[in-house]
Amino acid sequence: MTGKEHGRIINVISEDCGSHSVVVRVEDNGKGLDTIASERIFEAFFSTKPEGAGMGLAICRSIIESHGGMRAARSLASGGSAFKFAVPYARGANEPEAT
């Protein structure tokens, strides 16, 4: 999101999706992802930045997957990118079973 003339915006939205899973979405107003980047963005050592190491999202992927979660990235029609991940959580001792 470097070089944004009118300011950078990042929205973080989380929601309980039932079935003991939480979804977190992170959306920005950057330039978005091209097709190749959106397919490879979670690979180790792949970066869209000249100075990037390509490890940040690969580490995120391994953490999310090790917890039985899922992740995705896409460009937004309005410009920018949307990253989403979901991870399950344990039911609390006083929480009723989902029906």
PDB file of N, CA and C in Angstrom:
ATOM      1  N   MET A   1       0.821  -1.192   0.000  1.00  0.00           N
ATOM      2  CA  MET A   1       0.000   0.000   0.000  1.00  0.00           C
ATOM      3  C   MET A   1       0.863   1.253   0.000  1.00  0.00           C
ATOM      4  N   THR A   2       2.135   1.111  -0.312  1.00  0.00           N
ATOM      5  CA  THR A   2       2.989   2.289  -0.376  1.00  0.00           C
ATOM      6  C   THR A   2       2.572   3.160  -1.554  1.00  0.00           C
ATOM      7  N   GLY A   3       2.764   4.455  -1.395  1.00  0.00           N
ATOM      8  CA  GLY A   3       2.459   5.380  -2.471  1.00  0.00           C
ATOM      9  C   GLY A   3       0.993   5.748  -2.598  1.00  0.00           C
ATOM     10  N   LYS A   4       0.161   5.428  -1.632  1.00  0.00           N
ATOM     11  CA  LYS A   4      -1.260   5.778  -1.657  1.00  0.00           C
ATOM     12  C   LYS A   4      -1.395   7.268  -1.398  1.00  0.00           C
ATOM     13  N   GLU A   5      -1.899   8.030  -2.378  1.00  0.00           N
ATOM     14  CA  GLU A   5      -1.987   9.482  -2.252  1.00  0.00           C
ATOM     15  C   GLU A   5      -3.052   9.943  -1.267  1.00  0.00           C
ATOM     16  N   HIS A   6      -4.143   9.241  -1.167  1.00  0.00           N
ATOM     17  CA  HIS A   6      -5.277   9.694  -0.354  1.00  0.00           C
ATOM     18  C   HIS A   6      -5.403   8.931   0.952  1.00  0.00           C
ATOM     19  N   GLY A   7      -4.324   8.398   1.439  1.00  0.00           N
ATOM     20  CA  GLY A   7      -4.348   7.700   2.715  1.00  0.00           C
ATOM     21  C   GLY A   7      -4.614   6.216   2.564  1.00  0.00           C
ATOM     22  N   ARG A   8      -4.099   5.489   3.506  1.00  0.00           N
ATOM     23  CA  ARG A   8      -4.279   4.043   3.522  1.00  0.00           C
ATOM     24  C   ARG A   8      -5.415   3.686   4.459  1.00  0.00           C
ATOM     25  N   ILE A   9      -6.224   2.752   4.023  1.00  0.00           N
ATOM     26  CA  ILE A   9      -7.341   2.285   4.842  1.00  0.00           C
ATOM     27  C   ILE A   9      -7.228   0.776   4.979  1.00  0.00           C
ATOM     28  N   ILE A  10      -7.321   0.293   6.206  1.00  0.00           N
ATOM     29  CA  ILE A  10      -7.345  -1.141   6.468  1.00  0.00           C
ATOM     30  C   ILE A  10      -8.529  -1.410   7.382  1.00  0.00           C
ATOM     31  N   ASN A  11      -9.410  -2.294   6.955  1.00  0.00           N
ATOM     32  CA  ASN A  11     -10.561  -2.707   7.757  1.00  0.00           C
ATOM     33  C   ASN A  11     -10.341  -4.138   8.219  1.00  0.00           C
ATOM     34  N   VAL A  12     -10.578  -4.388   9.506  1.00  0.00           N
ATOM     35  CA  VAL A  12     -10.483  -5.735  10.061  1.00  0.00           C
ATOM     36  C   VAL A  12     -11.850  -6.087  10.621  1.00  0.00           C
ATOM     37  N   ILE A  13     -12.423  -7.164  10.107  1.00  0.00           N
ATOM     38  CA  ILE A  13     -13.762  -7.596  10.500  1.00  0.00           C
ATOM     39  C   ILE A  13     -13.671  -9.031  11.001  1.00  0.00           C
ATOM     40  N   SER A  14     -14.252  -9.297  12.159  1.00  0.00           N
ATOM     41  CA  SER A  14     -14.278 -10.676  12.651  1.00  0.00           C
ATOM     42  C   SER A  14     -15.716 -11.032  12.986  1.00  0.00           C
ATOM     43  N   GLU A  15     -16.037 -12.304  12.810  1.00  0.00           N
ATOM     44  CA  GLU A  15     -17.379 -12.765  13.136  1.00  0.00           C
ATOM     45  C   GLU A  15     -17.372 -14.235  13.510  1.00  0.00           C
ATOM     46  N   ASP A  16     -18.255 -14.561  14.426  1.00  0.00           N
ATOM     47  CA  ASP A  16     -18.466 -15.944  14.824  1.00  0.00           C
ATOM     48  C   ASP A  16     -19.377 -16.561  13.776  1.00  0.00           C
ATOM     49  N   CYS A  17     -18.917 -17.602  13.135  1.00  0.00           N
ATOM     50  CA  CYS A  17     -19.692 -18.216  12.055  1.00  0.00           C
ATOM     51  C   CYS A  17     -20.474 -19.431  12.512  1.00  0.00           C
ATOM     52  N   GLY A  18     -20.647 -19.595  13.804  1.00  0.00           N
ATOM     53  CA  GLY A  18     -21.310 -20.791  14.289  1.00  0.00           C
ATOM     54  C   GLY A  18     -20.396 -21.986  14.075  1.00  0.00           C
ATOM     55  N   SER A  19     -20.877 -23.148  14.414  1.00  0.00           N
ATOM     56  CA  SER A  19     -20.076 -24.373  14.276  1.00  0.00           C
ATOM     57  C   SER A  19     -18.691 -24.198  14.883  1.00  0.00           C
ATOM     58  N   HIS A  20     -18.572 -23.322  15.880  1.00  0.00           N
ATOM     59  CA  HIS A  20     -17.316 -23.108  16.602  1.00  0.00           C
ATOM     60  C   HIS A  20     -16.179 -22.706  15.682  1.00  0.00           C
ATOM     61  N   SER A  21     -16.457 -21.727  14.816  1.00  0.00           N
ATOM     62  CA  SER A  21     -15.454 -21.208  13.902  1.00  0.00           C
ATOM     63  C   SER A  21     -15.555 -19.685  13.873  1.00  0.00           C
ATOM     64  N   VAL A  22     -14.408 -19.031  13.843  1.00  0.00           N
ATOM     65  CA  VAL A  22     -14.372 -17.577  13.724  1.00  0.00           C
ATOM     66  C   VAL A  22     -13.700 -17.231  12.395  1.00  0.00           C
ATOM     67  N   VAL A  23     -14.250 -16.207  11.718  1.00  0.00           N
ATOM     68  CA  VAL A  23     -13.705 -15.733  10.452  1.00  0.00           C
ATOM     69  C   VAL A  23     -13.188 -14.317  10.654  1.00  0.00           C
ATOM     70  N   VAL A  24     -11.990 -14.056  10.153  1.00  0.00           N
ATOM     71  CA  VAL A  24     -11.404 -12.724  10.200  1.00  0.00           C
ATOM     72  C   VAL A  24     -11.113 -12.297   8.764  1.00  0.00           C
ATOM     73  N   ARG A  25     -11.590 -11.091   8.407  1.00  0.00           N
ATOM     74  CA  ARG A  25     -11.326 -10.518   7.087  1.00  0.00           C
ATOM     75  C   ARG A  25     -10.523  -9.237   7.270  1.00  0.00           C
ATOM     76  N   VAL A  26      -9.502  -9.082   6.452  1.00  0.00           N
ATOM     77  CA  VAL A  26      -8.692  -7.869   6.446  1.00  0.00           C
ATOM     78  C   VAL A  26      -8.757  -7.321   5.025  1.00  0.00           C
ATOM     79  N   GLU A  27      -9.281  -6.099   4.896  1.00  0.00           N
ATOM     80  CA  GLU A  27      -9.444  -5.478   3.580  1.00  0.00           C
ATOM     81  C   GLU A  27      -8.678  -4.160   3.560  1.00  0.00           C
ATOM     82  N   ASP A  28      -8.062  -3.856   2.405  1.00  0.00           N
ATOM     83  CA  ASP A  28      -7.329  -2.593   2.286  1.00  0.00           C
ATOM     84  C   ASP A  28      -7.714  -1.881   0.994  1.00  0.00           C
ATOM     85  N   ASN A  29      -7.204  -0.675   0.824  1.00  0.00           N
ATOM     86  CA  ASN A  29      -7.480   0.103  -0.380  1.00  0.00           C
ATOM     87  C   ASN A  29      -6.239   0.236  -1.248  1.00  0.00           C
ATOM     88  N   GLY A  30      -5.361  -0.756  -1.191  1.00  0.00           N
ATOM     89  CA  GLY A  30      -4.142  -0.758  -1.998  1.00  0.00           C
ATOM     90  C   GLY A  30      -4.446  -1.024  -3.463  1.00  0.00           C
ATOM     91  N   LYS A  31      -3.452  -1.489  -4.187  1.00  0.00           N
ATOM     92  CA  LYS A  31      -3.615  -1.709  -5.630  1.00  0.00           C
ATOM     93  C   LYS A  31      -4.248  -3.059  -5.966  1.00  0.00           C
ATOM     94  N   GLY A  32      -4.441  -3.915  -5.000  1.00  0.00           N
ATOM     95  CA  GLY A  32      -5.039  -5.226  -5.260  1.00  0.00           C
ATOM     96  C   GLY A  32      -3.995  -6.253  -5.641  1.00  0.00           C
ATOM     97  N   LEU A  33      -4.462  -7.440  -5.990  1.00  0.00           N
ATOM     98  CA  LEU A  33      -3.588  -8.552  -6.354  1.00  0.00           C
ATOM     99  C   LEU A  33      -3.825  -8.922  -7.805  1.00  0.00           C
ATOM    100  N   ASP A  34      -2.754  -9.164  -8.540  1.00  0.00           N
ATOM    101  CA  ASP A  34      -2.957  -9.677  -9.886  1.00  0.00           C
ATOM    102  C   ASP A  34      -3.215 -11.187  -9.803  1.00  0.00           C
ATOM    103  N   THR A  35      -3.561 -11.794 -10.915  1.00  0.00           N
ATOM    104  CA  THR A  35      -3.942 -13.214 -10.933  1.00  0.00           C
ATOM    105  C   THR A  35      -2.827 -14.114 -10.418  1.00  0.00           C
ATOM    106  N   ILE A  36      -1.602 -13.875 -10.862  1.00  0.00           N
ATOM    107  CA  ILE A  36      -0.474 -14.711 -10.431  1.00  0.00           C
ATOM    108  C   ILE A  36      -0.255 -14.552  -8.932  1.00  0.00           C
ATOM    109  N   ALA A  37      -0.288 -13.328  -8.446  1.00  0.00           N
ATOM    110  CA  ALA A  37      -0.066 -13.097  -7.016  1.00  0.00           C
ATOM    111  C   ALA A  37      -1.147 -13.757  -6.187  1.00  0.00           C
ATOM    112  N   SER A  38      -2.396 -13.674  -6.604  1.00  0.00           N
ATOM    113  CA  SER A  38      -3.475 -14.252  -5.797  1.00  0.00           C
ATOM    114  C   SER A  38      -3.373 -15.771  -5.720  1.00  0.00           C
ATOM    115  N   GLU A  39      -2.746 -16.409  -6.708  1.00  0.00           N
ATOM    116  CA  GLU A  39      -2.560 -17.859  -6.679  1.00  0.00           C
ATOM    117  C   GLU A  39      -1.335 -18.262  -5.852  1.00  0.00           C
ATOM    118  N   ARG A  40      -0.329 -17.385  -5.745  1.00  0.00           N
ATOM    119  CA  ARG A  40       0.937 -17.748  -5.107  1.00  0.00           C
ATOM    120  C   ARG A  40       1.223 -17.010  -3.806  1.00  0.00           C
ATOM    121  N   ILE A  41       0.365 -16.115  -3.411  1.00  0.00           N
ATOM    122  CA  ILE A  41       0.641 -15.186  -2.312  1.00  0.00           C
ATOM    123  C   ILE A  41       1.004 -15.879  -0.994  1.00  0.00           C
ATOM    124  N   PHE A  42       0.532 -17.099  -0.771  1.00  0.00           N
ATOM    125  CA  PHE A  42       0.811 -17.802   0.485  1.00  0.00           C
ATOM    126  C   PHE A  42       2.020 -18.741   0.383  1.00  0.00           C
ATOM    127  N   GLU A  43       2.714 -18.757  -0.762  1.00  0.00           N
ATOM    128  CA  GLU A  43       3.902 -19.592  -0.934  1.00  0.00           C
ATOM    129  C   GLU A  43       5.104 -18.936  -0.262  1.00  0.00           C
ATOM    130  N   ALA A  44       5.965 -19.771   0.320  1.00  0.00           N
ATOM    131  CA  ALA A  44       7.195 -19.258   0.919  1.00  0.00           C
ATOM    132  C   ALA A  44       8.085 -18.641  -0.153  1.00  0.00           C
ATOM    133  N   PHE A  45       8.674 -17.511   0.166  1.00  0.00           N
ATOM    134  CA  PHE A  45       9.619 -16.767  -0.668  1.00  0.00           C
ATOM    135  C   PHE A  45       8.979 -16.090  -1.877  1.00  0.00           C
ATOM    136  N   PHE A  46       7.659 -16.101  -1.997  1.00  0.00           N
ATOM    137  CA  PHE A  46       6.999 -15.333  -3.056  1.00  0.00           C
ATOM    138  C   PHE A  46       6.617 -13.982  -2.469  1.00  0.00           C
ATOM    139  N   SER A  47       6.976 -12.909  -3.140  1.00  0.00           N
ATOM    140  CA  SER A  47       6.645 -11.568  -2.668  1.00  0.00           C
ATOM    141  C   SER A  47       6.268 -10.681  -3.845  1.00  0.00           C
ATOM    142  N   THR A  48       5.354  -9.777  -3.611  1.00  0.00           N
ATOM    143  CA  THR A  48       4.994  -8.782  -4.620  1.00  0.00           C
ATOM    144  C   THR A  48       5.804  -7.502  -4.421  1.00  0.00           C
ATOM    145  N   LYS A  49       6.625  -7.462  -3.373  1.00  0.00           N
ATOM    146  CA  LYS A  49       7.425  -6.278  -3.059  1.00  0.00           C
ATOM    147  C   LYS A  49       8.891  -6.552  -3.385  1.00  0.00           C
ATOM    148  N   PRO A  50       9.568  -5.600  -4.024  1.00  0.00           N
ATOM    149  CA  PRO A  50      10.985  -5.806  -4.352  1.00  0.00           C
ATOM    150  C   PRO A  50      11.845  -6.088  -3.117  1.00  0.00           C
ATOM    151  N   GLU A  51      11.497  -5.485  -1.988  1.00  0.00           N
ATOM    152  CA  GLU A  51      12.275  -5.678  -0.767  1.00  0.00           C
ATOM    153  C   GLU A  51      11.686  -6.758   0.134  1.00  0.00           C
ATOM    154  N   GLY A  52      10.634  -7.436  -0.312  1.00  0.00           N
ATOM    155  CA  GLY A  52       9.964  -8.439   0.511  1.00  0.00           C
ATOM    156  C   GLY A  52      10.704  -9.759   0.561  1.00  0.00           C
ATOM    157  N   ALA A  53      10.600 -10.426   1.691  1.00  0.00           N
ATOM    158  CA  ALA A  53      11.232 -11.740   1.861  1.00  0.00           C
ATOM    159  C   ALA A  53      10.291 -12.871   1.466  1.00  0.00           C
ATOM    160  N   GLY A  54       8.989 -12.597   1.424  1.00  0.00           N
ATOM    161  CA  GLY A  54       8.035 -13.624   1.047  1.00  0.00           C
ATOM    162  C   GLY A  54       7.761 -14.645   2.124  1.00  0.00           C
ATOM    163  N   MET A  55       7.942 -14.267   3.375  1.00  0.00           N
ATOM    164  CA  MET A  55       7.724 -15.234   4.451  1.00  0.00           C
ATOM    165  C   MET A  55       6.486 -14.929   5.300  1.00  0.00           C
ATOM    166  N   GLY A  56       6.036 -13.689   5.362  1.00  0.00           N
ATOM    167  CA  GLY A  56       4.944 -13.314   6.252  1.00  0.00           C
ATOM    168  C   GLY A  56       3.677 -14.110   6.041  1.00  0.00           C
ATOM    169  N   LEU A  57       3.162 -14.135   4.820  1.00  0.00           N
ATOM    170  CA  LEU A  57       1.920 -14.859   4.560  1.00  0.00           C
ATOM    171  C   LEU A  57       2.125 -16.372   4.568  1.00  0.00           C
ATOM    172  N   ALA A  58       3.332 -16.836   4.246  1.00  0.00           N
ATOM    173  CA  ALA A  58       3.619 -18.277   4.334  1.00  0.00           C
ATOM    174  C   ALA A  58       3.567 -18.729   5.787  1.00  0.00           C
ATOM    175  N   ILE A  59       4.081 -17.910   6.691  1.00  0.00           N
ATOM    176  CA  ILE A  59       4.020 -18.232   8.123  1.00  0.00           C
ATOM    177  C   ILE A  59       2.570 -18.206   8.590  1.00  0.00           C
ATOM    178  N   CYS A  60       1.813 -17.198   8.158  1.00  0.00           N
ATOM    179  CA  CYS A  60       0.385 -17.144   8.505  1.00  0.00           C
ATOM    180  C   CYS A  60      -0.334 -18.401   8.032  1.00  0.00           C
ATOM    181  N   ARG A  61      -0.057 -18.828   6.798  1.00  0.00           N
ATOM    182  CA  ARG A  61      -0.675 -20.035   6.256  1.00  0.00           C
ATOM    183  C   ARG A  61      -0.385 -21.249   7.135  1.00  0.00           C
ATOM    184  N   SER A  62       0.877 -21.420   7.533  1.00  0.00           N
ATOM    185  CA  SER A  62       1.219 -22.603   8.324  1.00  0.00           C
ATOM    186  C   SER A  62       0.541 -22.577   9.691  1.00  0.00           C
ATOM    187  N   ILE A  63       0.424 -21.405  10.306  1.00  0.00           N
ATOM    188  CA  ILE A  63      -0.253 -21.303  11.597  1.00  0.00           C
ATOM    189  C   ILE A  63      -1.735 -21.613  11.453  1.00  0.00           C
ATOM    190  N   ILE A  64      -2.374 -21.024  10.456  1.00  0.00           N
ATOM    191  CA  ILE A  64      -3.811 -21.236  10.239  1.00  0.00           C
ATOM    192  C   ILE A  64      -4.093 -22.701   9.937  1.00  0.00           C
ATOM    193  N   GLU A  65      -3.316 -23.299   9.035  1.00  0.00           N
ATOM    194  CA  GLU A  65      -3.541 -24.697   8.671  1.00  0.00           C
ATOM    195  C   GLU A  65      -3.245 -25.644   9.831  1.00  0.00           C
ATOM    196  N   SER A  66      -2.258 -25.315  10.662  1.00  0.00           N
ATOM    197  CA  SER A  66      -1.960 -26.188  11.798  1.00  0.00           C
ATOM    198  C   SER A  66      -3.088 -26.195  12.827  1.00  0.00           C
ATOM    199  N   HIS A  67      -3.944 -25.180  12.780  1.00  0.00           N
ATOM    200  CA  HIS A  67      -5.109 -25.114  13.662  1.00  0.00           C
ATOM    201  C   HIS A  67      -6.384 -25.578  12.964  1.00  0.00           C
ATOM    202  N   GLY A  68      -6.253 -26.187  11.789  1.00  0.00           N
ATOM    203  CA  GLY A  68      -7.412 -26.710  11.067  1.00  0.00           C
ATOM    204  C   GLY A  68      -8.233 -25.636  10.376  1.00  0.00           C
ATOM    205  N   GLY A  69      -7.614 -24.506  10.071  1.00  0.00           N
ATOM    206  CA  GLY A  69      -8.327 -23.398   9.450  1.00  0.00           C
ATOM    207  C   GLY A  69      -8.140 -23.347   7.946  1.00  0.00           C
ATOM    208  N   MET A  70      -8.712 -22.317   7.348  1.00  0.00           N
ATOM    209  CA  MET A  70      -8.592 -22.071   5.915  1.00  0.00           C
ATOM    210  C   MET A  70      -8.245 -20.616   5.706  1.00  0.00           C
ATOM    211  N   ARG A  71      -7.699 -20.285   4.521  1.00  0.00           N
ATOM    212  CA  ARG A  71      -7.364 -18.901   4.208  1.00  0.00           C
ATOM    213  C   ARG A  71      -7.546 -18.655   2.728  1.00  0.00           C
ATOM    214  N   ALA A  72      -7.746 -17.374   2.376  1.00  0.00           N
ATOM    215  CA  ALA A  72      -7.937 -16.986   0.981  1.00  0.00           C
ATOM    216  C   ALA A  72      -7.532 -15.528   0.822  1.00  0.00           C
ATOM    217  N   ALA A  73      -7.212 -15.147  -0.413  1.00  0.00           N
ATOM    218  CA  ALA A  73      -6.896 -13.764  -0.741  1.00  0.00           C
ATOM    219  C   ALA A  73      -7.467 -13.466  -2.116  1.00  0.00           C
ATOM    220  N   ARG A  74      -7.943 -12.232  -2.294  1.00  0.00           N
ATOM    221  CA  ARG A  74      -8.480 -11.840  -3.596  1.00  0.00           C
ATOM    222  C   ARG A  74      -8.429 -10.320  -3.715  1.00  0.00           C
ATOM    223  N   SER A  75      -8.537  -9.841  -4.941  1.00  0.00           N
ATOM    224  CA  SER A  75      -8.659  -8.410  -5.177  1.00  0.00           C
ATOM    225  C   SER A  75     -10.107  -8.006  -5.015  1.00  0.00           C
ATOM    226  N   LEU A  76     -10.314  -6.778  -4.587  1.00  0.00           N
ATOM    227  CA  LEU A  76     -11.656  -6.239  -4.474  1.00  0.00           C
ATOM    228  C   LEU A  76     -12.003  -5.478  -5.750  1.00  0.00           C
ATOM    229  N   ALA A  77     -13.254  -5.528  -6.168  1.00  0.00           N
ATOM    230  CA  ALA A  77     -13.691  -4.825  -7.372  1.00  0.00           C
ATOM    231  C   ALA A  77     -13.459  -3.321  -7.247  1.00  0.00           C
ATOM    232  N   SER A  78     -13.548  -2.809  -6.036  1.00  0.00           N
ATOM    233  CA  SER A  78     -13.369  -1.374  -5.793  1.00  0.00           C
ATOM    234  C   SER A  78     -11.899  -0.973  -5.694  1.00  0.00           C
ATOM    235  N   GLY A  79     -10.995  -1.939  -5.826  1.00  0.00           N
ATOM    236  CA  GLY A  79      -9.565  -1.709  -5.636  1.00  0.00           C
ATOM    237  C   GLY A  79      -9.176  -2.208  -4.257  1.00  0.00           C
ATOM    238  N   GLY A  80      -7.947  -2.601  -4.112  1.00  0.00           N
ATOM    239  CA  GLY A  80      -7.499  -3.135  -2.831  1.00  0.00           C
ATOM    240  C   GLY A  80      -7.577  -4.645  -2.807  1.00  0.00           C
ATOM    241  N   SER A  81      -7.284  -5.184  -1.637  1.00  0.00           N
ATOM    242  CA  SER A  81      -7.239  -6.630  -1.453  1.00  0.00           C
ATOM    243  C   SER A  81      -8.062  -7.034  -0.245  1.00  0.00           C
ATOM    244  N   ALA A  82      -8.501  -8.271  -0.261  1.00  0.00           N
ATOM    245  CA  ALA A  82      -9.214  -8.846   0.874  1.00  0.00           C
ATOM    246  C   ALA A  82      -8.549 -10.168   1.223  1.00  0.00           C
ATOM    247  N   PHE A  83      -8.164 -10.300   2.471  1.00  0.00           N
ATOM    248  CA  PHE A  83      -7.605 -11.532   2.998  1.00  0.00           C
ATOM    249  C   PHE A  83      -8.585 -12.059   4.023  1.00  0.00           C
ATOM    250  N   LYS A  84      -8.814 -13.359   3.995  1.00  0.00           N
ATOM    251  CA  LYS A  84      -9.780 -13.954   4.917  1.00  0.00           C
ATOM    252  C   LYS A  84      -9.187 -15.237   5.468  1.00  0.00           C
ATOM    253  N   PHE A  85      -9.406 -15.452   6.772  1.00  0.00           N
ATOM    254  CA  PHE A  85      -9.056 -16.748   7.331  1.00  0.00           C
ATOM    255  C   PHE A  85     -10.103 -17.143   8.359  1.00  0.00           C
ATOM    256  N   ALA A  86     -10.261 -18.440   8.510  1.00  0.00           N
ATOM    257  CA  ALA A  86     -11.198 -18.998   9.487  1.00  0.00           C
ATOM    258  C   ALA A  86     -10.463 -20.051  10.286  1.00  0.00           C
ATOM    259  N   VAL A  87     -10.713 -20.049  11.579  1.00  0.00           N
ATOM    260  CA  VAL A  87     -10.133 -21.061  12.461  1.00  0.00           C
ATOM    261  C   VAL A  87     -11.203 -21.532  13.437  1.00  0.00           C
ATOM    262  N   PRO A  88     -11.190 -22.813  13.758  1.00  0.00           N
ATOM    263  CA  PRO A  88     -12.140 -23.312  14.750  1.00  0.00           C
ATOM    264  C   PRO A  88     -11.704 -22.914  16.158  1.00  0.00           C
ATOM    265  N   TYR A  89     -12.654 -22.868  17.052  1.00  0.00           N
ATOM    266  CA  TYR A  89     -12.339 -22.639  18.454  1.00  0.00           C
ATOM    267  C   TYR A  89     -13.084 -23.651  19.311  1.00  0.00           C
ATOM    268  N   ALA A  90     -12.551 -23.889  20.482  1.00  0.00           N
ATOM    269  CA  ALA A  90     -13.142 -24.878  21.386  1.00  0.00           C
ATOM    270  C   ALA A  90     -14.362 -24.301  22.075  1.00  0.00           C
ATOM    271  N   ARG A  91     -15.339 -25.143  22.326  1.00  0.00           N
ATOM    272  CA  ARG A  91     -16.540 -24.741  23.049  1.00  0.00           C
ATOM    273  C   ARG A  91     -16.188 -24.598  24.520  1.00  0.00           C
ATOM    274  N   GLY A  92     -16.646 -23.512  25.132  1.00  0.00           N
ATOM    275  CA  GLY A  92     -16.395 -23.285  26.546  1.00  0.00           C
ATOM    276  C   GLY A  92     -17.180 -24.244  27.408  1.00  0.00           C
ATOM    277  N   ALA A  93     -16.783 -24.397  28.660  1.00  0.00           N
ATOM    278  CA  ALA A  93     -17.425 -25.340  29.584  1.00  0.00           C
ATOM    279  C   ALA A  93     -18.904 -25.019  29.799  1.00  0.00           C
ATOM    280  N   ASN A  94     -19.263 -23.744  29.787  1.00  0.00           N
ATOM    281  CA  ASN A  94     -20.657 -23.350  30.013  1.00  0.00           C
ATOM    282  C   ASN A  94     -21.420 -23.035  28.728  1.00  0.00           C
ATOM    283  N   GLU A  95     -20.796 -23.273  27.589  1.00  0.00           N
ATOM    284  CA  GLU A  95     -21.441 -22.985  26.298  1.00  0.00           C
ATOM    285  C   GLU A  95     -22.249 -24.194  25.842  1.00  0.00           C
ATOM    286  N   PRO A  96     -23.522 -23.996  25.483  1.00  0.00           N
ATOM    287  CA  PRO A  96     -24.333 -25.132  25.040  1.00  0.00           C
ATOM    288  C   PRO A  96     -23.881 -25.659  23.683  1.00  0.00           C
ATOM    289  N   GLU A  97     -24.189 -26.910  23.419  1.00  0.00           N
ATOM    290  CA  GLU A  97     -23.897 -27.515  22.113  1.00  0.00           C
ATOM    291  C   GLU A  97     -24.647 -26.754  21.036  1.00  0.00           C
ATOM    292  N   ALA A  98     -24.017 -26.587  19.848  1.00  0.00           N
ATOM    293  CA  ALA A  98     -24.689 -25.953  18.715  1.00  0.00           C
ATOM    294  C   ALA A  98     -25.800 -26.863  18.219  1.00  0.00           C
ATOM    295  N   THR A  99     -26.896 -26.256  17.819  1.00  0.00           N
ATOM    296  CA  THR A  99     -28.002 -27.059  17.286  1.00  0.00           C
ATOM    297  C   THR A  99     -28.317 -26.685  15.879  1.00  0.00           C
TER     298      THR A  99
END
